[in-house]
Amino acid sequence: MRGVQIDFEPRNLALRHPIEAPIIGDAAATLRRLLPMVENNHEKSWQSEIEHKVPDSWAAAERHAQAPAHPINPQEIVWARGCLTMRS
């Protein structure tokens, strides 16, 4: 997977995932300067591919949240919080 990360702190770049384009700076200011350089791509074929993967991704997240852990699975807390938020 390709990635771009904008962070004010250089030490935070690529901590968890490899980043193809690390950018040091304030995210809002950086995006304001970069946005005019981005071409509008009307090609949407990728969208249906993503939409087909979403249910599997949610199912995987739920399986991970239900995995036993001691003393507690942190993903279970996040999953439960998300479920409560979606009901509100």
N, C-alpha and C. Protein backbone atom coordinates (compact mmCIF):
# COMPACT_ATOMS: atom_id res chain seq x y z
N MET A 1 0.84 -1.16 0.00
CA MET A 1 0.00 0.00 0.00
C MET A 1 0.90 1.24 0.00
N ARG A 2 0.51 2.20 -0.78
CA ARG A 2 1.26 3.45 -0.86
C ARG A 2 0.71 4.41 0.19
N GLY A 3 1.58 5.25 0.74
CA GLY A 3 1.10 6.15 1.77
C GLY A 3 1.82 7.48 1.79
N VAL A 4 1.06 8.49 2.18
CA VAL A 4 1.57 9.83 2.41
C VAL A 4 1.20 10.17 3.85
N GLN A 5 2.14 10.74 4.57
CA GLN A 5 1.84 11.14 5.94
C GLN A 5 2.34 12.56 6.15
N ILE A 6 1.47 13.38 6.73
CA ILE A 6 1.83 14.75 7.08
C ILE A 6 1.85 14.82 8.60
N ASP A 7 2.96 15.27 9.16
CA ASP A 7 3.05 15.39 10.61
C ASP A 7 3.99 16.53 10.96
N PHE A 8 3.65 17.23 12.00
CA PHE A 8 4.45 18.35 12.47
C PHE A 8 5.75 17.86 13.10
N GLU A 9 5.72 16.66 13.66
CA GLU A 9 6.89 16.08 14.33
C GLU A 9 7.56 15.04 13.43
N PRO A 10 8.77 15.30 12.96
CA PRO A 10 9.45 14.34 12.08
C PRO A 10 9.59 12.95 12.68
N ARG A 11 9.74 12.87 14.01
CA ARG A 11 9.90 11.55 14.65
C ARG A 11 8.65 10.68 14.55
N ASN A 12 7.50 11.27 14.24
CA ASN A 12 6.25 10.52 14.13
C ASN A 12 6.04 9.90 12.74
N LEU A 13 6.84 10.31 11.78
CA LEU A 13 6.65 9.83 10.41
C LEU A 13 7.06 8.36 10.29
N ALA A 14 6.22 7.57 9.66
CA ALA A 14 6.49 6.16 9.35
C ALA A 14 6.73 5.31 10.60
N LEU A 15 6.10 5.66 11.70
CA LEU A 15 6.25 4.85 12.91
C LEU A 15 5.60 3.48 12.78
N ARG A 16 4.42 3.42 12.19
CA ARG A 16 3.67 2.17 12.13
C ARG A 16 3.63 1.53 10.75
N HIS A 17 3.76 2.34 9.72
CA HIS A 17 3.66 1.84 8.34
C HIS A 17 4.72 2.53 7.49
N PRO A 18 5.21 1.83 6.47
CA PRO A 18 6.13 2.50 5.55
C PRO A 18 5.40 3.64 4.83
N ILE A 19 6.06 4.73 4.66
CA ILE A 19 5.47 5.91 4.03
C ILE A 19 6.28 6.25 2.78
N GLU A 20 5.57 6.40 1.68
CA GLU A 20 6.23 6.74 0.42
C GLU A 20 6.58 8.22 0.36
N ALA A 21 5.73 9.05 0.97
CA ALA A 21 5.96 10.49 0.91
C ALA A 21 5.76 11.11 2.30
N PRO A 22 6.81 11.11 3.12
CA PRO A 22 6.69 11.77 4.42
C PRO A 22 6.79 13.29 4.24
N ILE A 23 5.87 14.03 4.85
CA ILE A 23 5.86 15.48 4.73
C ILE A 23 5.84 16.08 6.14
N ILE A 24 6.79 16.91 6.43
CA ILE A 24 6.86 17.56 7.74
C ILE A 24 6.14 18.90 7.64
N GLY A 25 5.14 19.09 8.49
CA GLY A 25 4.43 20.36 8.50
C GLY A 25 3.07 20.24 9.12
N ASP A 26 2.40 21.37 9.25
CA ASP A 26 1.04 21.42 9.75
C ASP A 26 0.12 20.85 8.67
N ALA A 27 -0.72 19.89 9.03
CA ALA A 27 -1.55 19.20 8.04
C ALA A 27 -2.47 20.16 7.28
N ALA A 28 -3.16 21.04 7.99
CA ALA A 28 -4.10 21.95 7.32
C ALA A 28 -3.38 22.87 6.34
N ALA A 29 -2.30 23.47 6.78
CA ALA A 29 -1.56 24.39 5.91
C ALA A 29 -0.95 23.64 4.72
N THR A 30 -0.42 22.45 4.99
CA THR A 30 0.19 21.66 3.92
C THR A 30 -0.84 21.26 2.88
N LEU A 31 -2.00 20.81 3.33
CA LEU A 31 -3.05 20.41 2.39
C LEU A 31 -3.57 21.59 1.58
N ARG A 32 -3.67 22.76 2.21
CA ARG A 32 -4.10 23.95 1.45
C ARG A 32 -3.14 24.25 0.31
N ARG A 33 -1.85 24.04 0.54
CA ARG A 33 -0.86 24.31 -0.52
C ARG A 33 -0.82 23.20 -1.56
N LEU A 34 -1.08 21.96 -1.14
CA LEU A 34 -1.01 20.83 -2.08
C LEU A 34 -2.26 20.69 -2.94
N LEU A 35 -3.40 21.01 -2.39
CA LEU A 35 -4.67 20.78 -3.09
C LEU A 35 -4.72 21.38 -4.50
N PRO A 36 -4.25 22.59 -4.73
CA PRO A 36 -4.29 23.13 -6.09
C PRO A 36 -3.45 22.34 -7.10
N MET A 37 -2.52 21.53 -6.61
CA MET A 37 -1.66 20.75 -7.51
C MET A 37 -2.24 19.39 -7.87
N VAL A 38 -3.33 19.00 -7.22
CA VAL A 38 -3.93 17.69 -7.45
C VAL A 38 -4.93 17.78 -8.60
N GLU A 39 -4.77 16.88 -9.57
CA GLU A 39 -5.71 16.83 -10.69
C GLU A 39 -6.99 16.12 -10.27
N ASN A 40 -8.11 16.62 -10.75
CA ASN A 40 -9.38 15.96 -10.49
C ASN A 40 -9.49 14.74 -11.40
N ASN A 41 -9.61 13.58 -10.80
CA ASN A 41 -9.70 12.33 -11.56
C ASN A 41 -11.14 11.84 -11.51
N HIS A 42 -11.80 11.83 -12.63
CA HIS A 42 -13.20 11.42 -12.67
C HIS A 42 -13.35 9.90 -12.79
N GLU A 43 -12.26 9.19 -12.86
CA GLU A 43 -12.28 7.73 -12.94
C GLU A 43 -12.73 7.18 -11.59
N LYS A 44 -13.79 6.41 -11.58
CA LYS A 44 -14.36 5.90 -10.34
C LYS A 44 -14.39 4.37 -10.27
N SER A 45 -13.66 3.69 -11.14
CA SER A 45 -13.71 2.22 -11.14
C SER A 45 -13.21 1.64 -9.81
N TRP A 46 -12.30 2.31 -9.15
CA TRP A 46 -11.77 1.86 -7.87
C TRP A 46 -12.83 1.86 -6.78
N GLN A 47 -13.84 2.71 -6.93
CA GLN A 47 -14.85 2.87 -5.89
C GLN A 47 -15.65 1.59 -5.66
N SER A 48 -16.05 0.91 -6.71
CA SER A 48 -16.82 -0.32 -6.53
C SER A 48 -15.98 -1.42 -5.90
N GLU A 49 -14.68 -1.44 -6.21
CA GLU A 49 -13.78 -2.42 -5.59
C GLU A 49 -13.73 -2.20 -4.07
N ILE A 50 -13.63 -0.96 -3.66
CA ILE A 50 -13.60 -0.63 -2.24
C ILE A 50 -14.93 -1.00 -1.58
N GLU A 51 -16.02 -0.64 -2.23
CA GLU A 51 -17.35 -0.92 -1.66
C GLU A 51 -17.56 -2.41 -1.44
N HIS A 52 -17.01 -3.25 -2.32
CA HIS A 52 -17.16 -4.70 -2.15
C HIS A 52 -16.32 -5.22 -0.98
N LYS A 53 -15.24 -4.52 -0.64
CA LYS A 53 -14.36 -4.97 0.44
C LYS A 53 -14.82 -4.51 1.83
N VAL A 54 -15.68 -3.52 1.89
CA VAL A 54 -16.08 -2.94 3.18
C VAL A 54 -16.74 -3.97 4.10
N PRO A 55 -17.71 -4.77 3.64
CA PRO A 55 -18.31 -5.74 4.57
C PRO A 55 -17.28 -6.72 5.16
N ASP A 56 -16.34 -7.18 4.36
CA ASP A 56 -15.30 -8.08 4.86
C ASP A 56 -14.42 -7.38 5.89
N SER A 57 -14.14 -6.12 5.67
CA SER A 57 -13.32 -5.36 6.62
C SER A 57 -14.03 -5.20 7.96
N TRP A 58 -15.34 -4.91 7.91
CA TRP A 58 -16.10 -4.79 9.16
C TRP A 58 -16.15 -6.13 9.88
N ALA A 59 -16.34 -7.21 9.14
CA ALA A 59 -16.38 -8.55 9.75
C ALA A 59 -15.04 -8.88 10.40
N ALA A 60 -13.94 -8.56 9.74
CA ALA A 60 -12.61 -8.82 10.31
C ALA A 60 -12.40 -7.99 11.57
N ALA A 61 -12.82 -6.74 11.56
CA ALA A 61 -12.68 -5.88 12.74
C ALA A 61 -13.46 -6.46 13.92
N GLU A 62 -14.66 -6.95 13.63
CA GLU A 62 -15.47 -7.54 14.70
C GLU A 62 -14.83 -8.82 15.25
N ARG A 63 -14.27 -9.66 14.35
CA ARG A 63 -13.58 -10.89 14.80
C ARG A 63 -12.39 -10.53 15.70
N HIS A 64 -11.62 -9.53 15.30
CA HIS A 64 -10.47 -9.12 16.11
C HIS A 64 -10.92 -8.59 17.47
N ALA A 65 -12.03 -7.86 17.48
CA ALA A 65 -12.54 -7.30 18.73
C ALA A 65 -13.03 -8.39 19.68
N GLN A 66 -13.49 -9.50 19.13
CA GLN A 66 -14.02 -10.58 19.95
C GLN A 66 -12.97 -11.61 20.36
N ALA A 67 -11.75 -11.43 19.92
CA ALA A 67 -10.68 -12.36 20.28
C ALA A 67 -10.39 -12.25 21.78
N PRO A 68 -10.24 -13.40 22.45
CA PRO A 68 -9.96 -13.34 23.89
C PRO A 68 -8.58 -12.73 24.17
N ALA A 69 -8.50 -11.99 25.26
CA ALA A 69 -7.23 -11.37 25.66
C ALA A 69 -7.25 -11.17 27.16
N HIS A 70 -6.07 -11.09 27.75
CA HIS A 70 -5.99 -10.88 29.18
C HIS A 70 -5.13 -9.66 29.46
N PRO A 71 -5.55 -8.70 30.21
CA PRO A 71 -6.80 -8.67 30.94
C PRO A 71 -7.99 -8.28 30.07
N ILE A 72 -7.75 -7.53 28.98
CA ILE A 72 -8.85 -7.16 28.09
C ILE A 72 -8.29 -6.86 26.70
N ASN A 73 -9.11 -7.09 25.71
CA ASN A 73 -8.73 -6.80 24.32
C ASN A 73 -9.07 -5.33 24.04
N PRO A 74 -8.09 -4.47 23.80
CA PRO A 74 -8.39 -3.05 23.55
C PRO A 74 -9.29 -2.85 22.33
N GLN A 75 -9.20 -3.75 21.36
CA GLN A 75 -10.05 -3.62 20.18
C GLN A 75 -11.52 -3.85 20.54
N GLU A 76 -11.77 -4.63 21.59
CA GLU A 76 -13.15 -4.85 22.04
C GLU A 76 -13.75 -3.54 22.53
N ILE A 77 -12.96 -2.75 23.24
CA ILE A 77 -13.44 -1.46 23.76
C ILE A 77 -13.75 -0.52 22.60
N VAL A 78 -12.85 -0.46 21.64
CA VAL A 78 -13.05 0.42 20.48
C VAL A 78 -14.27 -0.03 19.69
N TRP A 79 -14.43 -1.34 19.49
CA TRP A 79 -15.58 -1.87 18.75
C TRP A 79 -16.88 -1.52 19.47
N ALA A 80 -16.92 -1.74 20.78
CA ALA A 80 -18.13 -1.44 21.55
C ALA A 80 -18.46 0.04 21.50
N ARG A 81 -17.45 0.87 21.61
CA ARG A 81 -17.66 2.33 21.54
C ARG A 81 -18.21 2.73 20.18
N GLY A 82 -17.67 2.12 19.13
CA GLY A 82 -18.16 2.40 17.79
C GLY A 82 -19.62 2.00 17.61
N CYS A 83 -19.96 0.85 18.18
CA CYS A 83 -21.36 0.38 18.09
C CYS A 83 -22.30 1.35 18.80
N LEU A 84 -21.89 1.83 19.97
CA LEU A 84 -22.72 2.79 20.70
C LEU A 84 -22.84 4.10 19.94
N THR A 85 -21.77 4.53 19.33
CA THR A 85 -21.78 5.79 18.59
C THR A 85 -22.70 5.70 17.38
N MET A 86 -22.70 4.54 16.70
CA MET A 86 -23.55 4.39 15.51
C MET A 86 -25.02 4.38 15.87
N ARG A 87 -25.36 3.98 17.09
CA ARG A 87 -26.76 3.95 17.50
C ARG A 87 -27.28 5.34 17.85
N SER A 88 -26.38 6.24 18.23
CA SER A 88 -26.79 7.59 18.68
C SER A 88 -27.23 8.44 17.51
